[in-house]
Amino acid sequence: MAQKLIRIFHNPRCSKSREALALLQARGLDPEVVDYLQNPPQPGELRSLLAQLGLPARELLRSGEEEYASLGLADASLSDEAVLQAIAAHPKLLQRPIVVHGERAVIARPPELLLQLL
């Protein structure tokens, strides 16, 4: 039986992202590493991630980033589509790390949350 592909949306400068990747590798897994800052996910891919995560679009946002304030993303009346467009244009806003396994995904903060997928 083929092993399901594991993907991690990874920022190498983020300690939690590095910990999550190390946790996968320590279990003998070789995930597809997506450096989302270099290769930003587009709105369609973000919609798929939302479905796998089972979360609203707003949960993908990092509210501590400068762009969060400058783009007015605290405005609760913004549509999910507007949030996804902002993340696609400013990938630094994406929560990290996101680990995808099969049809499910998790925001691995803390990194141990990814164990729910395995």
Protein backbone atom coordinates (compact mmCIF):
# COMPACT_ATOMS: atom_id res chain seq x y z
CA MET A 1 0.00 0.00 0.00
CA ALA A 2 1.40 3.43 -0.96
CA GLN A 3 2.14 5.85 1.85
CA LYS A 4 0.09 9.04 1.81
CA LEU A 5 2.08 12.10 0.89
CA ILE A 6 2.89 14.45 3.76
CA ARG A 7 3.41 18.14 2.96
CA ILE A 8 4.58 20.85 5.28
CA PHE A 9 4.12 24.54 4.57
CA HIS A 10 7.42 25.58 6.05
CA ASN A 11 9.28 28.75 6.96
CA PRO A 12 12.91 27.82 7.70
CA ARG A 13 13.30 30.93 9.88
CA CYS A 14 10.46 29.85 12.22
CA SER A 15 11.43 27.71 15.22
CA LYS A 16 8.00 25.99 15.37
CA SER A 17 8.23 25.16 11.68
CA ARG A 18 11.73 23.73 12.11
CA GLU A 19 10.54 21.70 15.12
CA ALA A 20 7.61 20.28 13.15
CA LEU A 21 9.86 19.28 10.25
CA ALA A 22 12.33 17.66 12.66
CA LEU A 23 9.48 15.77 14.34
CA LEU A 24 8.37 14.34 10.98
CA GLN A 25 11.92 13.41 10.03
CA ALA A 26 12.54 11.79 13.44
CA ARG A 27 9.63 9.47 12.62
CA GLY A 28 11.36 8.46 9.39
CA LEU A 29 9.06 10.54 7.22
CA ASP A 30 10.28 12.55 4.24
CA PRO A 31 7.64 15.24 3.72
CA GLU A 32 7.32 17.47 0.70
CA VAL A 33 8.58 20.80 2.03
CA VAL A 34 6.78 23.83 0.63
CA ASP A 35 8.68 27.05 1.30
CA TYR A 36 5.55 29.17 1.12
CA LEU A 37 7.46 32.46 1.33
CA GLN A 38 9.29 31.58 -1.91
CA ASN A 39 6.31 29.81 -3.51
CA PRO A 40 3.14 31.43 -2.06
CA PRO A 41 -0.06 29.36 -2.17
CA GLN A 42 -2.74 30.89 -4.37
CA PRO A 43 -6.35 31.38 -3.21
CA GLY A 44 -7.50 28.05 -4.69
CA GLU A 45 -4.83 26.12 -2.81
CA LEU A 46 -5.64 28.08 0.35
CA ARG A 47 -9.34 27.13 -0.03
CA SER A 48 -8.29 23.46 -0.24
CA LEU A 49 -6.18 23.88 2.89
CA LEU A 50 -9.15 25.42 4.71
CA ALA A 51 -11.31 22.43 3.81
CA GLN A 52 -8.62 20.05 5.07
CA LEU A 53 -8.14 22.05 8.25
CA GLY A 54 -11.87 22.49 8.86
CA LEU A 55 -11.28 26.14 9.82
CA PRO A 56 -12.53 29.55 8.70
CA ALA A 57 -10.14 31.64 6.57
CA ARG A 58 -9.42 34.04 9.42
CA GLU A 59 -7.71 31.20 11.34
CA LEU A 60 -4.94 31.15 8.71
CA LEU A 61 -3.89 34.70 9.59
CA ARG A 62 -0.92 35.67 11.73
CA SER A 63 -2.31 38.73 13.48
CA GLY A 64 1.09 39.84 14.80
CA GLU A 65 2.50 40.61 11.35
CA GLU A 66 2.84 44.25 10.24
CA GLU A 67 0.78 43.51 7.12
CA TYR A 68 -2.14 42.39 9.28
CA ALA A 69 -2.52 45.92 10.63
CA SER A 70 -1.53 47.80 7.48
CA LEU A 71 -4.05 45.87 5.33
CA GLY A 72 -6.87 46.28 7.88
CA LEU A 73 -7.30 42.52 8.31
CA ALA A 74 -8.74 42.91 11.82
CA ASP A 75 -11.95 44.07 10.10
CA ALA A 76 -14.36 41.20 10.83
CA SER A 77 -16.54 42.20 7.88
CA LEU A 78 -13.86 41.13 5.38
CA SER A 79 -14.92 38.12 3.32
CA ASP A 80 -13.01 34.84 3.38
CA GLU A 81 -12.03 35.56 -0.22
CA ALA A 82 -10.49 38.92 0.79
CA VAL A 83 -8.53 37.17 3.55
CA LEU A 84 -7.26 34.50 1.14
CA GLN A 85 -6.27 37.12 -1.43
CA ALA A 86 -4.31 38.99 1.27
CA ILE A 87 -2.47 35.79 2.29
CA ALA A 88 -1.65 34.95 -1.34
CA ALA A 89 -0.27 38.47 -1.87
CA HIS A 90 1.53 38.56 1.51
CA PRO A 91 2.48 34.95 2.40
CA LYS A 92 4.12 36.10 5.64
CA LEU A 93 0.54 36.31 6.97
CA LEU A 94 0.06 32.52 6.71
CA GLN A 95 0.02 30.59 9.99
CA ARG A 96 2.85 28.10 10.18
CA PRO A 97 3.62 25.36 9.98
CA ILE A 98 0.72 23.68 8.24
CA VAL A 99 1.10 19.93 7.83
CA VAL A 100 -1.06 18.06 5.32
CA HIS A 101 -1.47 14.28 5.35
CA GLY A 102 -3.96 12.76 2.95
CA GLU A 103 -7.26 14.64 3.16
CA ARG A 104 -6.53 16.24 6.53
CA ALA A 105 -4.31 19.06 7.73
CA VAL A 106 -3.35 20.77 10.97
CA ILE A 107 -1.68 24.01 11.99
CA ALA A 108 1.16 22.47 13.99
CA ARG A 109 1.41 25.04 16.78
CA PRO A 110 2.65 23.47 18.94
CA PRO A 111 4.47 21.05 16.59
CA GLU A 112 3.17 18.01 18.49
CA LEU A 113 -0.29 18.70 17.04
CA LEU A 114 0.89 17.15 13.78
CA LEU A 115 0.90 13.77 15.52
CA GLN A 116 -2.92 13.81 15.22
CA LEU A 117 -2.46 13.26 11.48
CA LEU A 118 -0.08 10.30 11.63
